[in-house]
Amino acid sequence: MKSAKKKIEKEHGRTLTNRQMTFARHIVEGIYSNAECARKAGYSHEVANNQASKLLNGREYPHVLEYIQDLRTERERRYGVTTIGQLERLHQLSSGAEEAGQFSAAINAEKIRAALGGLTVDRREQVNTIDQLSRDEIVGRLADLQKKYPQAFMVDITPKEEPDEQGTRSELLEHDPQQPPEKVLRNAD
């Protein structure tokens, strides 16, 4: 791989830095997002996303893109692994699992296909738990949820008959403002 590196540097008149080579290796692995590859290569969190974009756009660092392509070609030659081959294999596995009624395995294969094809990126976010939030933060989040999903906060209360303290069932009375109070009492008896 050193000869390919020297060839690329000579063609472009630019030196590949250790960070650029590390970034390229992580990109070829295909495990991490572009920004995460930049962070793993040593770029700071603040500039990682922007730097990854610059390294991959081909205008500012064409030698990095060429190095990435050479690494992919070498990997395919060494392991016989191609993106298209992997996509086809995962499709076969997914179809076979689905035909066998193993839907969980089929879904898992499809998720991996989507990630390999670049349709999804595995991201995990730290979500605050309620016990870590202040009262004002909880009230604010509930207000936001109520605005976004008002139907979730609609409560349908229907009266039910429940045994009272003596174990007998008591009826719940509805209040009708049109009916005089003495008539309600007579109807309850």
Protein backbone atom coordinates (compact mmCIF):
# COMPACT_ATOMS: atom_id res chain seq x y z
CA MET A 1 0.00 0.00 0.00
CA LYS A 2 3.02 2.28 0.48
CA SER A 3 3.70 2.32 -3.26
CA ALA A 4 0.09 3.37 -3.93
CA LYS A 5 0.44 6.13 -1.36
CA LYS A 6 3.63 7.42 -2.98
CA LYS A 7 2.05 7.23 -6.43
CA ILE A 8 -0.97 9.25 -5.30
CA GLU A 9 1.23 11.84 -3.56
CA LYS A 10 3.36 12.19 -6.68
CA GLU A 11 0.36 12.52 -9.03
CA HIS A 12 -1.35 15.17 -6.92
CA GLY A 13 1.74 16.89 -5.57
CA ARG A 14 0.34 16.60 -2.05
CA THR A 15 1.30 14.51 0.95
CA LEU A 16 -1.23 12.27 2.65
CA THR A 17 -1.18 13.07 6.37
CA ASN A 18 -1.56 10.45 9.06
CA ARG A 19 -5.01 11.83 9.88
CA GLN A 20 -6.10 11.60 6.24
CA MET A 21 -4.87 8.01 5.97
CA THR A 22 -6.57 7.03 9.24
CA PHE A 23 -9.78 8.72 8.08
CA ALA A 24 -9.61 6.80 4.78
CA ARG A 25 -9.12 3.46 6.57
CA HIS A 26 -12.18 4.09 8.76
CA ILE A 27 -14.27 5.12 5.74
CA VAL A 28 -13.33 1.90 3.94
CA GLU A 29 -14.31 -0.15 7.00
CA GLY A 30 -17.82 1.25 6.55
CA ILE A 31 -18.71 0.95 10.22
CA TYR A 32 -18.87 4.59 11.27
CA SER A 33 -20.52 7.75 9.98
CA ASN A 34 -18.31 10.17 8.06
CA ALA A 35 -18.06 12.55 11.03
CA GLU A 36 -17.21 9.68 13.39
CA CYS A 37 -14.44 8.58 11.01
CA ALA A 38 -13.02 12.10 11.17
CA ARG A 39 -13.18 12.09 14.97
CA LYS A 40 -11.45 8.71 15.12
CA ALA A 41 -8.75 10.10 12.82
CA GLY A 42 -8.02 12.85 15.34
CA TYR A 43 -10.13 15.79 14.19
CA SER A 44 -11.94 17.66 16.96
CA HIS A 45 -15.66 17.19 17.58
CA GLU A 46 -16.35 20.77 16.49
CA VAL A 47 -14.86 20.40 13.01
CA ALA A 48 -15.26 16.65 12.38
CA ASN A 49 -18.45 16.89 10.30
CA ASN A 50 -17.12 19.75 8.17
CA GLN A 51 -13.70 18.12 7.74
CA ALA A 52 -15.24 14.79 6.71
CA SER A 53 -17.28 16.61 4.07
CA LYS A 54 -14.18 18.38 2.75
CA LEU A 55 -12.14 15.17 2.66
CA LEU A 56 -14.85 13.37 0.69
CA ASN A 57 -15.97 16.08 -1.74
CA GLY A 58 -13.04 15.54 -4.14
CA ARG A 59 -12.40 19.23 -4.81
CA GLU A 60 -10.16 20.13 -1.90
CA TYR A 61 -8.53 16.75 -1.24
CA PRO A 62 -8.71 14.62 -4.40
CA HIS A 63 -5.71 12.61 -3.23
CA VAL A 64 -7.69 11.41 -0.18
CA LEU A 65 -10.54 10.15 -2.39
CA GLU A 66 -8.06 8.36 -4.61
CA TYR A 67 -6.43 6.79 -1.54
CA ILE A 68 -9.86 5.63 -0.32
CA GLN A 69 -10.55 4.06 -3.71
CA ASP A 70 -7.17 2.29 -3.66
CA LEU A 71 -7.87 0.94 -0.17
CA ARG A 72 -11.27 -0.36 -1.32
CA THR A 73 -9.73 -1.99 -4.39
CA GLU A 74 -7.04 -3.64 -2.26
CA ARG A 75 -9.63 -4.86 0.23
CA GLU A 76 -11.81 -6.28 -2.54
CA ARG A 77 -8.79 -7.99 -4.09
CA ARG A 78 -7.61 -9.42 -0.77
CA TYR A 79 -10.93 -10.57 0.68
CA GLY A 80 -13.12 -10.85 -2.39
CA VAL A 81 -15.57 -8.51 -0.69
CA THR A 82 -17.42 -6.00 -2.81
CA THR A 83 -20.26 -3.74 -1.86
CA ILE A 84 -22.45 -5.17 -4.62
CA GLY A 85 -21.52 -8.73 -3.62
CA GLN A 86 -22.40 -8.04 0.00
CA LEU A 87 -25.70 -6.44 -0.96
CA GLU A 88 -26.58 -9.47 -3.10
CA ARG A 89 -25.58 -11.91 -0.34
CA LEU A 90 -27.61 -10.07 2.29
CA HIS A 91 -30.59 -10.02 -0.08
CA GLN A 92 -30.31 -13.80 -0.49
CA LEU A 93 -30.09 -14.30 3.27
CA SER A 94 -33.08 -12.02 3.84
CA SER A 95 -35.20 -13.81 1.23
CA GLY A 96 -34.27 -17.24 2.60
CA ALA A 97 -35.09 -16.22 6.15
CA GLU A 98 -38.41 -14.74 5.06
CA GLU A 99 -39.36 -17.90 3.15
CA ALA A 100 -38.50 -19.95 6.25
CA GLY A 101 -40.77 -17.73 8.34
CA GLN A 102 -37.83 -16.25 10.27
CA PHE A 103 -38.93 -12.65 9.98
CA SER A 104 -36.62 -11.34 12.69
CA ALA A 105 -33.57 -12.64 10.79
CA ALA A 106 -34.95 -11.25 7.52
CA ILE A 107 -35.45 -7.81 9.05
CA ASN A 108 -31.96 -7.90 10.53
CA ALA A 109 -30.43 -8.72 7.12
CA GLU A 110 -32.41 -5.88 5.53
CA LYS A 111 -31.20 -3.45 8.20
CA ILE A 112 -27.61 -4.42 7.46
CA ARG A 113 -28.24 -4.04 3.71
CA ALA A 114 -29.64 -0.55 4.26
CA ALA A 115 -26.60 0.45 6.33
CA LEU A 116 -24.20 -1.01 3.76
CA GLY A 117 -26.01 0.78 0.96
CA GLY A 118 -25.67 4.05 2.86
CA LEU A 119 -29.40 4.47 3.46
CA THR A 120 -29.07 4.40 7.24
CA VAL A 121 -26.43 5.18 9.83
CA ASP A 122 -26.41 3.56 13.24
CA ARG A 123 -26.74 6.46 15.67
CA ARG A 124 -27.34 6.21 19.34
CA GLU A 125 -28.35 9.16 21.41
CA GLN A 126 -28.19 9.61 25.14
CA VAL A 127 -31.69 10.45 26.31
CA ASN A 128 -32.17 12.09 29.68
CA THR A 129 -34.19 10.16 32.15
CA ILE A 130 -36.95 11.89 34.05
CA ASP A 131 -35.16 11.71 37.38
CA GLN A 132 -32.32 13.79 35.92
CA LEU A 133 -34.63 16.61 34.81
CA SER A 134 -35.85 19.53 36.85
CA ARG A 135 -39.57 20.12 37.37
CA ASP A 136 -39.53 23.02 34.87
CA GLU A 137 -37.81 20.85 32.24
CA ILE A 138 -40.39 18.09 32.70
CA VAL A 139 -43.28 20.53 32.44
CA GLY A 140 -41.71 22.08 29.32
CA ARG A 141 -41.23 18.69 27.65
CA LEU A 142 -44.80 17.68 28.46
CA ALA A 143 -46.06 20.96 26.97
CA ASP A 144 -44.04 20.30 23.79
CA LEU A 145 -45.43 16.78 23.56
CA GLN A 146 -48.96 18.06 24.08
CA LYS A 147 -48.51 20.52 21.21
CA LYS A 148 -47.07 17.85 18.89
CA TYR A 149 -49.45 15.05 19.86
CA PRO A 150 -52.66 16.52 21.30
CA GLN A 151 -54.55 13.28 20.66
CA ALA A 152 -52.31 11.49 23.17
CA PHE A 153 -53.49 13.79 25.94
CA MET A 154 -57.22 13.38 25.30
CA VAL A 155 -58.73 11.39 28.13
CA ASP A 156 -62.03 9.57 27.74
CA ILE A 157 -63.48 9.00 31.19
CA THR A 158 -66.48 6.76 31.43
CA PRO A 159 -67.97 6.11 34.86
CA LYS A 160 -67.79 2.53 36.06
CA GLU A 161 -69.52 0.75 38.82
CA GLU A 162 -67.10 -0.09 41.58
CA PRO A 163 -67.81 -1.77 44.88
CA ASP A 164 -68.06 0.68 47.76
CA GLU A 165 -66.71 0.07 51.25
CA GLN A 166 -69.50 -2.35 52.15
CA GLY A 167 -68.88 -4.44 49.04
CA THR A 168 -72.10 -3.35 47.37
CA ARG A 169 -72.16 -1.63 44.04
CA SER A 170 -73.22 1.96 44.04
CA GLU A 171 -74.40 3.79 40.96
CA LEU A 172 -72.69 6.92 39.79
CA LEU A 173 -75.14 9.73 39.19
CA GLU A 174 -74.83 12.14 36.32
CA HIS A 175 -75.57 15.77 36.99
CA ASP A 176 -78.09 17.35 34.63
CA PRO A 177 -78.35 21.10 35.16
CA GLN A 178 -81.88 21.08 33.63
CA GLN A 179 -83.24 18.68 36.24
CA PRO A 180 -84.13 19.97 39.74
CA PRO A 181 -82.11 18.40 42.61
CA GLU A 182 -85.11 16.77 44.30
CA LYS A 183 -85.93 14.81 41.10
CA VAL A 184 -82.36 13.45 40.97
CA LEU A 185 -82.70 12.16 44.53
CA ARG A 186 -86.02 10.47 43.72
CA ASN A 187 -84.50 8.77 40.64
CA ALA A 188 -81.63 7.45 42.74
CA ASP A 189 -83.97 5.58 45.06
